[in-house]
Amino acid sequence: MFPILSPEVETFLTVSRAGSFTKAADALFITPTAVMKRIDKLEKEIGAELFRRFKTGAERREARAAPTF
């Protein structure tokens, strides 16, 4: 789908569009567990939670500026 992007970013974009990890997994031809692992890795790398997870799907979190001290 997005050939020049890392697998994690490609997965983030696909989940954002699909609205669920399961639908994104279907679109990417991988398992929902692989989708979750990619999103977890990306969240760990950037230090922020990207999605609110629900039983019925996932919702992107709003970006917030880091506090300045």
N, C-alpha and C. Protein backbone atom coordinates (compact mmCIF):
# COMPACT_ATOMS: atom_id res chain seq x y z
N MET A 1 0.81 -1.19 0.00
CA MET A 1 0.00 0.00 0.00
C MET A 1 0.85 1.26 0.00
N PHE A 2 1.75 1.35 0.97
CA PHE A 2 2.63 2.51 1.11
C PHE A 2 4.07 2.00 1.05
N PRO A 3 4.62 1.71 -0.13
CA PRO A 3 5.88 0.98 -0.25
C PRO A 3 7.11 1.67 0.33
N ILE A 4 7.14 2.99 0.44
CA ILE A 4 8.35 3.63 0.94
C ILE A 4 8.33 3.87 2.45
N LEU A 5 7.27 3.48 3.11
CA LEU A 5 7.15 3.68 4.55
C LEU A 5 7.60 2.45 5.32
N SER A 6 7.99 2.67 6.57
CA SER A 6 8.32 1.54 7.43
C SER A 6 7.05 0.73 7.67
N PRO A 7 7.18 -0.55 8.00
CA PRO A 7 5.99 -1.36 8.28
C PRO A 7 5.14 -0.78 9.41
N GLU A 8 5.78 -0.17 10.40
CA GLU A 8 5.03 0.39 11.52
C GLU A 8 4.20 1.59 11.09
N VAL A 9 4.78 2.48 10.29
CA VAL A 9 4.04 3.65 9.82
C VAL A 9 2.93 3.23 8.86
N GLU A 10 3.23 2.30 7.99
CA GLU A 10 2.21 1.77 7.07
C GLU A 10 1.03 1.19 7.86
N THR A 11 1.34 0.48 8.92
CA THR A 11 0.30 -0.11 9.76
C THR A 11 -0.50 0.97 10.47
N PHE A 12 0.18 1.99 11.00
CA PHE A 12 -0.50 3.11 11.64
C PHE A 12 -1.51 3.75 10.69
N LEU A 13 -1.08 4.04 9.47
CA LEU A 13 -1.96 4.67 8.49
C LEU A 13 -3.14 3.77 8.14
N THR A 14 -2.88 2.48 8.03
CA THR A 14 -3.94 1.54 7.68
C THR A 14 -4.96 1.41 8.81
N VAL A 15 -4.49 1.33 10.06
CA VAL A 15 -5.41 1.27 11.20
C VAL A 15 -6.23 2.56 11.27
N SER A 16 -5.58 3.68 11.03
CA SER A 16 -6.28 4.97 11.06
C SER A 16 -7.43 5.00 10.06
N ARG A 17 -7.17 4.49 8.89
CA ARG A 17 -8.20 4.47 7.84
C ARG A 17 -9.26 3.41 8.09
N ALA A 18 -8.84 2.24 8.56
CA ALA A 18 -9.77 1.12 8.73
C ALA A 18 -10.61 1.25 9.99
N GLY A 19 -10.05 1.86 11.03
CA GLY A 19 -10.79 2.02 12.28
C GLY A 19 -10.72 0.83 13.22
N SER A 20 -9.99 -0.20 12.82
CA SER A 20 -9.80 -1.34 13.73
C SER A 20 -8.54 -2.10 13.35
N PHE A 21 -7.98 -2.78 14.34
CA PHE A 21 -6.78 -3.58 14.09
C PHE A 21 -7.11 -4.78 13.19
N THR A 22 -8.27 -5.37 13.38
CA THR A 22 -8.66 -6.53 12.59
C THR A 22 -8.84 -6.18 11.11
N LYS A 23 -9.51 -5.08 10.84
CA LYS A 23 -9.71 -4.64 9.45
C LYS A 23 -8.37 -4.26 8.82
N ALA A 24 -7.51 -3.62 9.60
CA ALA A 24 -6.18 -3.26 9.08
C ALA A 24 -5.38 -4.53 8.77
N ALA A 25 -5.48 -5.52 9.64
CA ALA A 25 -4.78 -6.79 9.41
C ALA A 25 -5.24 -7.42 8.10
N ASP A 26 -6.53 -7.42 7.87
CA ASP A 26 -7.06 -7.96 6.61
C ASP A 26 -6.50 -7.20 5.41
N ALA A 27 -6.47 -5.89 5.50
CA ALA A 27 -5.98 -5.06 4.39
C ALA A 27 -4.49 -5.27 4.14
N LEU A 28 -3.73 -5.55 5.20
CA LEU A 28 -2.28 -5.72 5.09
C LEU A 28 -1.87 -7.18 4.89
N PHE A 29 -2.84 -8.09 4.96
CA PHE A 29 -2.58 -9.53 4.82
C PHE A 29 -1.63 -10.04 5.91
N ILE A 30 -1.87 -9.56 7.14
CA ILE A 30 -1.12 -10.03 8.31
C ILE A 30 -2.14 -10.31 9.42
N THR A 31 -1.69 -10.85 10.53
CA THR A 31 -2.59 -11.16 11.63
C THR A 31 -2.86 -9.91 12.48
N PRO A 32 -4.00 -9.90 13.18
CA PRO A 32 -4.25 -8.78 14.11
C PRO A 32 -3.15 -8.65 15.17
N THR A 33 -2.58 -9.77 15.60
CA THR A 33 -1.48 -9.72 16.57
C THR A 33 -0.28 -8.99 16.00
N ALA A 34 0.03 -9.21 14.72
CA ALA A 34 1.15 -8.52 14.09
C ALA A 34 0.87 -7.01 14.01
N VAL A 35 -0.38 -6.65 13.75
CA VAL A 35 -0.76 -5.23 13.73
C VAL A 35 -0.52 -4.62 15.11
N MET A 36 -0.98 -5.29 16.16
CA MET A 36 -0.80 -4.78 17.52
C MET A 36 0.68 -4.63 17.87
N LYS A 37 1.49 -5.61 17.47
CA LYS A 37 2.92 -5.54 17.77
C LYS A 37 3.57 -4.36 17.05
N ARG A 38 3.19 -4.12 15.80
CA ARG A 38 3.75 -2.99 15.06
C ARG A 38 3.35 -1.66 15.69
N ILE A 39 2.08 -1.55 16.08
CA ILE A 39 1.62 -0.31 16.71
C ILE A 39 2.30 -0.13 18.07
N ASP A 40 2.42 -1.20 18.84
CA ASP A 40 3.12 -1.12 20.13
C ASP A 40 4.56 -0.65 19.95
N LYS A 41 5.24 -1.19 18.93
CA LYS A 41 6.62 -0.80 18.67
C LYS A 41 6.71 0.69 18.30
N LEU A 42 5.81 1.14 17.45
CA LEU A 42 5.82 2.55 17.05
C LEU A 42 5.52 3.45 18.25
N GLU A 43 4.55 3.06 19.07
CA GLU A 43 4.22 3.86 20.27
C GLU A 43 5.41 3.93 21.21
N LYS A 44 6.12 2.83 21.37
CA LYS A 44 7.29 2.82 22.25
C LYS A 44 8.39 3.73 21.69
N GLU A 45 8.58 3.68 20.35
CA GLU A 45 9.62 4.50 19.73
C GLU A 45 9.36 5.99 19.88
N ILE A 46 8.10 6.40 19.77
CA ILE A 46 7.81 7.84 19.85
C ILE A 46 7.40 8.28 21.25
N GLY A 47 7.15 7.31 22.13
CA GLY A 47 6.82 7.64 23.51
C GLY A 47 5.42 8.19 23.72
N ALA A 48 4.48 7.76 22.88
CA ALA A 48 3.11 8.24 23.01
C ALA A 48 2.13 7.16 22.56
N GLU A 49 0.97 7.16 23.18
CA GLU A 49 -0.08 6.24 22.78
C GLU A 49 -0.79 6.82 21.56
N LEU A 50 -0.87 6.06 20.48
CA LEU A 50 -1.44 6.56 19.23
C LEU A 50 -2.92 6.28 19.08
N PHE A 51 -3.41 5.22 19.72
CA PHE A 51 -4.81 4.83 19.58
C PHE A 51 -5.44 4.54 20.93
N ARG A 52 -6.73 4.86 21.02
CA ARG A 52 -7.55 4.37 22.12
C ARG A 52 -8.14 3.07 21.62
N ARG A 53 -7.99 2.02 22.38
CA ARG A 53 -8.47 0.71 21.96
C ARG A 53 -9.81 0.40 22.60
N PHE A 54 -10.73 -0.09 21.78
CA PHE A 54 -12.06 -0.50 22.22
C PHE A 54 -12.32 -1.91 21.71
N LYS A 55 -13.30 -2.56 22.28
CA LYS A 55 -13.67 -3.89 21.79
C LYS A 55 -14.17 -3.82 20.35
N THR A 56 -14.73 -2.68 19.98
CA THR A 56 -15.30 -2.53 18.64
C THR A 56 -14.35 -1.89 17.63
N GLY A 57 -13.16 -1.50 18.06
CA GLY A 57 -12.23 -0.89 17.12
C GLY A 57 -11.18 -0.04 17.82
N ALA A 58 -10.58 0.85 17.04
CA ALA A 58 -9.53 1.73 17.55
C ALA A 58 -9.80 3.15 17.06
N GLU A 59 -9.46 4.09 17.91
CA GLU A 59 -9.65 5.50 17.58
C GLU A 59 -8.33 6.23 17.79
N ARG A 60 -7.93 7.02 16.80
CA ARG A 60 -6.68 7.77 16.92
C ARG A 60 -6.77 8.78 18.06
N ARG A 61 -5.69 8.91 18.77
CA ARG A 61 -5.61 9.94 19.81
C ARG A 61 -5.19 11.25 19.17
N GLU A 62 -5.64 12.33 19.77
CA GLU A 62 -5.25 13.66 19.30
C GLU A 62 -3.80 13.93 19.69
N ALA A 63 -3.09 14.60 18.81
CA ALA A 63 -1.70 14.97 19.11
C ALA A 63 -1.70 16.10 20.12
N ARG A 64 -0.78 16.05 21.03
CA ARG A 64 -0.63 17.10 22.04
C ARG A 64 0.83 17.53 22.09
N ALA A 65 1.03 18.78 22.28
CA ALA A 65 2.39 19.30 22.41
C ALA A 65 2.96 18.88 23.76
N ALA A 66 4.23 18.60 23.77
CA ALA A 66 4.90 18.25 25.02
C ALA A 66 4.99 19.50 25.88
N PRO A 67 4.82 19.33 27.19
CA PRO A 67 4.92 20.50 28.08
C PRO A 67 6.33 21.05 28.09
N THR A 68 6.44 22.35 28.20
CA THR A 68 7.75 23.00 28.30
C THR A 68 7.96 23.43 29.74
N PHE A 69 9.17 23.27 30.22
CA PHE A 69 9.50 23.63 31.60
C PHE A 69 10.54 24.69 31.63
